[in-house]
Amino acid sequence: MIFEASLSVTSNDKLGAFMNSVPPRKRSAGRDARRAARQQRPTSTATHIDRKIPYLEILSEEALQLIEHN
């Protein structure tokens, strides 16, 4: 058995006219949406870090001169 399909386009074809007249939708939650969500978040960063540990001299001035000399 061979089935024959006939395609006919008539003016009463409401479904085909509807599908052709509607523009495609954009995908949601894409790259642009994620970027916009990140930009809306408040950003707070420390301007600088205060050092509370005192500086420690590992080698004396004489030891540094000895290293430089050799």
PDB file of N, CA and C in Angstrom:
ATOM      1  N   MET A   1       0.834  -1.180   0.000  1.00  0.00           N
ATOM      2  CA  MET A   1       0.000   0.000   0.000  1.00  0.00           C
ATOM      3  C   MET A   1       0.879   1.243   0.000  1.00  0.00           C
ATOM      4  N   ILE A   2       0.520   2.136  -0.814  1.00  0.00           N
ATOM      5  CA  ILE A   2       1.229   3.406  -0.887  1.00  0.00           C
ATOM      6  C   ILE A   2       0.255   4.500  -0.478  1.00  0.00           C
ATOM      7  N   PHE A   3       0.715   5.311   0.494  1.00  0.00           N
ATOM      8  CA  PHE A   3      -0.132   6.405   0.959  1.00  0.00           C
ATOM      9  C   PHE A   3       0.301   7.682   0.271  1.00  0.00           C
ATOM     10  N   GLU A   4      -0.654   8.398  -0.208  1.00  0.00           N
ATOM     11  CA  GLU A   4      -0.365   9.664  -0.857  1.00  0.00           C
ATOM     12  C   GLU A   4      -0.819  10.790   0.058  1.00  0.00           C
ATOM     13  N   ALA A   5       0.042  11.737   0.234  1.00  0.00           N
ATOM     14  CA  ALA A   5      -0.298  12.892   1.060  1.00  0.00           C
ATOM     15  C   ALA A   5      -0.440  14.093   0.154  1.00  0.00           C
ATOM     16  N   SER A   6      -1.490  14.792   0.333  1.00  0.00           N
ATOM     17  CA  SER A   6      -1.680  15.992  -0.480  1.00  0.00           C
ATOM     18  C   SER A   6      -1.609  17.207   0.436  1.00  0.00           C
ATOM     19  N   LEU A   7      -0.815  18.149   0.053  1.00  0.00           N
ATOM     20  CA  LEU A   7      -0.667  19.376   0.816  1.00  0.00           C
ATOM     21  C   LEU A   7      -1.372  20.484   0.058  1.00  0.00           C
ATOM     22  N   SER A   8      -2.323  21.051   0.693  1.00  0.00           N
ATOM     23  CA  SER A   8      -3.020  22.164   0.050  1.00  0.00           C
ATOM     24  C   SER A   8      -3.109  23.313   1.034  1.00  0.00           C
ATOM     25  N   VAL A   9      -2.806  24.483   0.558  1.00  0.00           N
ATOM     26  CA  VAL A   9      -2.858  25.675   1.390  1.00  0.00           C
ATOM     27  C   VAL A   9      -4.074  26.470   0.960  1.00  0.00           C
ATOM     28  N   THR A  10      -4.953  26.680   1.896  1.00  0.00           N
ATOM     29  CA  THR A  10      -6.163  27.443   1.597  1.00  0.00           C
ATOM     30  C   THR A  10      -6.223  28.653   2.495  1.00  0.00           C
ATOM     31  N   SER A  11      -7.153  29.520   2.236  1.00  0.00           N
ATOM     32  CA  SER A  11      -7.301  30.718   3.060  1.00  0.00           C
ATOM     33  C   SER A  11      -7.876  30.379   4.424  1.00  0.00           C
ATOM     34  N   ASN A  12      -8.447  29.201   4.581  1.00  0.00           N
ATOM     35  CA  ASN A  12      -9.017  28.786   5.858  1.00  0.00           C
ATOM     36  C   ASN A  12      -7.971  28.155   6.772  1.00  0.00           C
ATOM     37  N   ASP A  13      -6.722  28.137   6.348  1.00  0.00           N
ATOM     38  CA  ASP A  13      -5.650  27.522   7.136  1.00  0.00           C
ATOM     39  C   ASP A  13      -5.218  28.497   8.233  1.00  0.00           C
ATOM     40  N   LYS A  14      -5.980  28.561   9.310  1.00  0.00           N
ATOM     41  CA  LYS A  14      -5.727  29.532  10.378  1.00  0.00           C
ATOM     42  C   LYS A  14      -4.475  29.187  11.176  1.00  0.00           C
ATOM     43  N   LEU A  15      -4.206  27.937  11.371  1.00  0.00           N
ATOM     44  CA  LEU A  15      -3.047  27.533  12.159  1.00  0.00           C
ATOM     45  C   LEU A  15      -1.754  27.944  11.475  1.00  0.00           C
ATOM     46  N   GLY A  16      -1.647  27.717  10.181  1.00  0.00           N
ATOM     47  CA  GLY A  16      -0.447  28.091   9.448  1.00  0.00           C
ATOM     48  C   GLY A  16      -0.238  29.590   9.421  1.00  0.00           C
ATOM     49  N   ALA A  17      -1.290  30.355   9.295  1.00  0.00           N
ATOM     50  CA  ALA A  17      -1.178  31.812   9.288  1.00  0.00           C
ATOM     51  C   ALA A  17      -0.754  32.317  10.660  1.00  0.00           C
ATOM     52  N   PHE A  18      -1.281  31.690  11.711  1.00  0.00           N
ATOM     53  CA  PHE A  18      -0.923  32.103  13.069  1.00  0.00           C
ATOM     54  C   PHE A  18       0.544  31.813  13.359  1.00  0.00           C
ATOM     55  N   MET A  19       1.013  30.671  12.960  1.00  0.00           N
ATOM     56  CA  MET A  19       2.392  30.295  13.248  1.00  0.00           C
ATOM     57  C   MET A  19       3.387  31.164  12.489  1.00  0.00           C
ATOM     58  N   ASN A  20       3.027  31.635  11.329  1.00  0.00           N
ATOM     59  CA  ASN A  20       3.943  32.453  10.547  1.00  0.00           C
ATOM     60  C   ASN A  20       3.953  33.908  10.982  1.00  0.00           C
ATOM     61  N   SER A  21       2.907  34.374  11.655  1.00  0.00           N
ATOM     62  CA  SER A  21       2.830  35.784  12.011  1.00  0.00           C
ATOM     63  C   SER A  21       3.423  36.094  13.382  1.00  0.00           C
ATOM     64  N   VAL A  22       3.661  35.102  14.196  1.00  0.00           N
ATOM     65  CA  VAL A  22       4.186  35.323  15.546  1.00  0.00           C
ATOM     66  C   VAL A  22       5.707  35.214  15.508  1.00  0.00           C
ATOM     67  N   PRO A  23       6.415  36.260  15.983  1.00  0.00           N
ATOM     68  CA  PRO A  23       7.882  36.167  15.996  1.00  0.00           C
ATOM     69  C   PRO A  23       8.353  35.166  17.049  1.00  0.00           C
ATOM     70  N   PRO A  24       9.489  34.543  16.848  1.00  0.00           N
ATOM     71  CA  PRO A  24       9.991  33.571  17.831  1.00  0.00           C
ATOM     72  C   PRO A  24      10.372  34.264  19.134  1.00  0.00           C
ATOM     73  N   ARG A  25      10.141  33.561  20.238  1.00  0.00           N
ATOM     74  CA  ARG A  25      10.478  34.105  21.556  1.00  0.00           C
ATOM     75  C   ARG A  25      11.958  33.951  21.829  1.00  0.00           C
ATOM     76  N   LYS A  26      12.474  34.865  22.631  1.00  0.00           N
ATOM     77  CA  LYS A  26      13.860  34.736  23.076  1.00  0.00           C
ATOM     78  C   LYS A  26      13.913  33.763  24.244  1.00  0.00           C
ATOM     79  N   ARG A  27      15.041  33.133  24.413  1.00  0.00           N
ATOM     80  CA  ARG A  27      15.220  32.240  25.550  1.00  0.00           C
ATOM     81  C   ARG A  27      15.396  33.072  26.809  1.00  0.00           C
ATOM     82  N   SER A  28      14.825  32.615  27.885  1.00  0.00           N
ATOM     83  CA  SER A  28      14.968  33.336  29.143  1.00  0.00           C
ATOM     84  C   SER A  28      16.176  32.811  29.911  1.00  0.00           C
ATOM     85  N   ALA A  29      16.650  33.598  30.845  1.00  0.00           N
ATOM     86  CA  ALA A  29      17.774  33.254  31.716  1.00  0.00           C
ATOM     87  C   ALA A  29      19.038  32.981  30.915  1.00  0.00           C
ATOM     88  N   GLY A  30      19.258  33.785  29.915  1.00  0.00           N
ATOM     89  CA  GLY A  30      20.451  33.647  29.104  1.00  0.00           C
ATOM     90  C   GLY A  30      21.596  34.448  29.675  1.00  0.00           C
ATOM     91  N   ARG A  31      22.626  34.617  28.874  1.00  0.00           N
ATOM     92  CA  ARG A  31      23.834  35.305  29.311  1.00  0.00           C
ATOM     93  C   ARG A  31      23.540  36.749  29.705  1.00  0.00           C
ATOM     94  N   ASP A  32      22.740  37.446  28.919  1.00  0.00           N
ATOM     95  CA  ASP A  32      22.432  38.841  29.223  1.00  0.00           C
ATOM     96  C   ASP A  32      21.652  38.978  30.523  1.00  0.00           C
ATOM     97  N   ALA A  33      20.732  38.063  30.787  1.00  0.00           N
ATOM     98  CA  ALA A  33      19.954  38.120  32.020  1.00  0.00           C
ATOM     99  C   ALA A  33      20.836  37.866  33.233  1.00  0.00           C
ATOM    100  N   ARG A  34      21.756  36.913  33.124  1.00  0.00           N
ATOM    101  CA  ARG A  34      22.662  36.644  34.254  1.00  0.00           C
ATOM    102  C   ARG A  34      23.581  37.821  34.500  1.00  0.00           C
ATOM    103  N   ARG A  35      24.064  38.458  33.436  1.00  0.00           N
ATOM    104  CA  ARG A  35      24.932  39.621  33.583  1.00  0.00           C
ATOM    105  C   ARG A  35      24.171  40.769  34.250  1.00  0.00           C
ATOM    106  N   ALA A  36      22.932  41.001  33.846  1.00  0.00           N
ATOM    107  CA  ALA A  36      22.131  42.063  34.451  1.00  0.00           C
ATOM    108  C   ALA A  36      21.877  41.778  35.926  1.00  0.00           C
ATOM    109  N   ALA A  37      21.652  40.520  36.281  1.00  0.00           N
ATOM    110  CA  ALA A  37      21.431  40.164  37.684  1.00  0.00           C
ATOM    111  C   ALA A  37      22.690  40.397  38.505  1.00  0.00           C
ATOM    112  N   ARG A  38      23.856  40.093  37.938  1.00  0.00           N
ATOM    113  CA  ARG A  38      25.110  40.335  38.666  1.00  0.00           C
ATOM    114  C   ARG A  38      25.358  41.819  38.854  1.00  0.00           C
ATOM    115  N   GLN A  39      25.013  42.626  37.873  1.00  0.00           N
ATOM    116  CA  GLN A  39      25.270  44.055  37.962  1.00  0.00           C
ATOM    117  C   GLN A  39      24.343  44.740  38.953  1.00  0.00           C
ATOM    118  N   GLN A  40      23.203  44.151  39.258  1.00  0.00           N
ATOM    119  CA  GLN A  40      22.273  44.747  40.207  1.00  0.00           C
ATOM    120  C   GLN A  40      22.675  44.488  41.650  1.00  0.00           C
ATOM    121  N   ARG A  41      23.510  43.493  41.891  1.00  0.00           N
ATOM    122  CA  ARG A  41      23.946  43.194  43.257  1.00  0.00           C
ATOM    123  C   ARG A  41      24.875  44.291  43.763  1.00  0.00           C
ATOM    124  N   PRO A  42      24.741  44.657  45.031  1.00  0.00           N
ATOM    125  CA  PRO A  42      25.673  45.657  45.569  1.00  0.00           C
ATOM    126  C   PRO A  42      27.068  45.059  45.743  1.00  0.00           C
ATOM    127  N   THR A  43      28.045  45.839  45.399  1.00  0.00           N
ATOM    128  CA  THR A  43      29.425  45.380  45.548  1.00  0.00           C
ATOM    129  C   THR A  43      30.109  46.246  46.590  1.00  0.00           C
ATOM    130  N   SER A  44      30.618  45.624  47.604  1.00  0.00           N
ATOM    131  CA  SER A  44      31.351  46.353  48.629  1.00  0.00           C
ATOM    132  C   SER A  44      32.686  45.651  48.839  1.00  0.00           C
ATOM    133  N   THR A  45      33.737  46.393  48.677  1.00  0.00           N
ATOM    134  CA  THR A  45      35.070  45.839  48.865  1.00  0.00           C
ATOM    135  C   THR A  45      35.844  46.724  49.827  1.00  0.00           C
ATOM    136  N   ALA A  46      36.784  46.142  50.511  1.00  0.00           N
ATOM    137  CA  ALA A  46      37.638  46.899  51.410  1.00  0.00           C
ATOM    138  C   ALA A  46      38.603  47.736  50.581  1.00  0.00           C
ATOM    139  N   THR A  47      38.776  48.992  50.965  1.00  0.00           N
ATOM    140  CA  THR A  47      39.679  49.846  50.211  1.00  0.00           C
ATOM    141  C   THR A  47      41.125  49.425  50.428  1.00  0.00           C
ATOM    142  N   HIS A  48      41.462  49.061  51.629  1.00  0.00           N
ATOM    143  CA  HIS A  48      42.809  48.584  51.918  1.00  0.00           C
ATOM    144  C   HIS A  48      42.767  47.776  53.214  1.00  0.00           C
ATOM    145  N   ILE A  49      43.802  47.025  53.449  1.00  0.00           N
ATOM    146  CA  ILE A  49      43.895  46.196  54.647  1.00  0.00           C
ATOM    147  C   ILE A  49      44.902  46.832  55.588  1.00  0.00           C
ATOM    148  N   ASP A  50      44.473  47.039  56.829  1.00  0.00           N
ATOM    149  CA  ASP A  50      45.379  47.592  57.845  1.00  0.00           C
ATOM    150  C   ASP A  50      46.168  46.453  58.471  1.00  0.00           C
ATOM    151  N   ARG A  51      47.474  46.594  58.452  1.00  0.00           N
ATOM    152  CA  ARG A  51      48.346  45.584  59.040  1.00  0.00           C
ATOM    153  C   ARG A  51      48.428  45.824  60.543  1.00  0.00           C
ATOM    154  N   LYS A  52      48.057  44.823  61.315  1.00  0.00           N
ATOM    155  CA  LYS A  52      48.089  44.943  62.773  1.00  0.00           C
ATOM    156  C   LYS A  52      49.242  44.154  63.376  1.00  0.00           C
ATOM    157  N   ILE A  53      49.955  43.405  62.552  1.00  0.00           N
ATOM    158  CA  ILE A  53      51.103  42.641  63.015  1.00  0.00           C
ATOM    159  C   ILE A  53      52.334  43.528  62.879  1.00  0.00           C
ATOM    160  N   PRO A  54      53.114  43.655  63.931  1.00  0.00           N
ATOM    161  CA  PRO A  54      54.307  44.509  63.821  1.00  0.00           C
ATOM    162  C   PRO A  54      55.346  43.892  62.886  1.00  0.00           C
ATOM    163  N   TYR A  55      56.121  44.747  62.254  1.00  0.00           N
ATOM    164  CA  TYR A  55      57.189  44.281  61.372  1.00  0.00           C
ATOM    165  C   TYR A  55      58.269  43.605  62.198  1.00  0.00           C
ATOM    166  N   LEU A  56      58.818  42.536  61.671  1.00  0.00           N
ATOM    167  CA  LEU A  56      59.827  41.758  62.368  1.00  0.00           C
ATOM    168  C   LEU A  56      61.092  41.754  61.532  1.00  0.00           C
ATOM    169  N   GLU A  57      62.181  42.105  62.136  1.00  0.00           N
ATOM    170  CA  GLU A  57      63.457  42.114  61.434  1.00  0.00           C
ATOM    171  C   GLU A  57      64.059  40.718  61.522  1.00  0.00           C
ATOM    172  N   ILE A  58      64.164  40.049  60.386  1.00  0.00           N
ATOM    173  CA  ILE A  58      64.660  38.676  60.366  1.00  0.00           C
ATOM    174  C   ILE A  58      66.173  38.647  60.516  1.00  0.00           C
ATOM    175  N   LEU A  59      66.859  39.502  59.768  1.00  0.00           N
ATOM    176  CA  LEU A  59      68.315  39.572  59.842  1.00  0.00           C
ATOM    177  C   LEU A  59      68.731  40.978  60.236  1.00  0.00           C
ATOM    178  N   SER A  60      69.823  41.048  60.966  1.00  0.00           N
ATOM    179  CA  SER A  60      70.352  42.360  61.331  1.00  0.00           C
ATOM    180  C   SER A  60      71.024  42.987  60.108  1.00  0.00           C
ATOM    181  N   GLU A  61      71.349  44.255  60.210  1.00  0.00           N
ATOM    182  CA  GLU A  61      72.015  44.969  59.114  1.00  0.00           C
ATOM    183  C   GLU A  61      73.373  44.346  58.805  1.00  0.00           C
ATOM    184  N   GLU A  62      74.081  43.889  59.846  1.00  0.00           N
ATOM    185  CA  GLU A  62      75.396  43.262  59.646  1.00  0.00           C
ATOM    186  C   GLU A  62      75.266  41.944  58.880  1.00  0.00           C
ATOM    187  N   ALA A  63      74.247  41.156  59.180  1.00  0.00           N
ATOM    188  CA  ALA A  63      74.041  39.884  58.483  1.00  0.00           C
ATOM    189  C   ALA A  63      73.685  40.123  57.014  1.00  0.00           C
ATOM    190  N   LEU A  64      72.897  41.157  56.733  1.00  0.00           N
ATOM    191  CA  LEU A  64      72.562  41.488  55.350  1.00  0.00           C
ATOM    192  C   LEU A  64      73.793  41.918  54.566  1.00  0.00           C
ATOM    193  N   GLN A  65      74.666  42.701  55.207  1.00  0.00           N
ATOM    194  CA  GLN A  65      75.892  43.135  54.538  1.00  0.00           C
ATOM    195  C   GLN A  65      76.805  41.944  54.259  1.00  0.00           C
ATOM    196  N   LEU A  66      76.844  40.994  55.182  1.00  0.00           N
ATOM    197  CA  LEU A  66      77.651  39.796  54.989  1.00  0.00           C
ATOM    198  C   LEU A  66      77.145  38.987  53.790  1.00  0.00           C
ATOM    199  N   ILE A  67      75.828  38.869  53.661  1.00  0.00           N
ATOM    200  CA  ILE A  67      75.252  38.140  52.518  1.00  0.00           C
ATOM    201  C   ILE A  67      75.563  38.870  51.219  1.00  0.00           C
ATOM    202  N   GLU A  68      75.407  40.173  51.205  1.00  0.00           N
ATOM    203  CA  GLU A  68      75.674  40.959  49.999  1.00  0.00           C
ATOM    204  C   GLU A  68      77.153  40.896  49.605  1.00  0.00           C
ATOM    205  N   HIS A  69      78.020  40.876  50.593  1.00  0.00           N
ATOM    206  CA  HIS A  69      79.458  40.859  50.321  1.00  0.00           C
ATOM    207  C   HIS A  69      79.890  39.527  49.710  1.00  0.00           C
ATOM    208  N   ASN A  70      79.287  38.438  50.146  1.00  0.00           N
ATOM    209  CA  ASN A  70      79.661  37.102  49.655  1.00  0.00           C
ATOM    210  C   ASN A  70      78.798  36.793  48.510  1.00  0.00           C
TER     211      ASN A  70
END
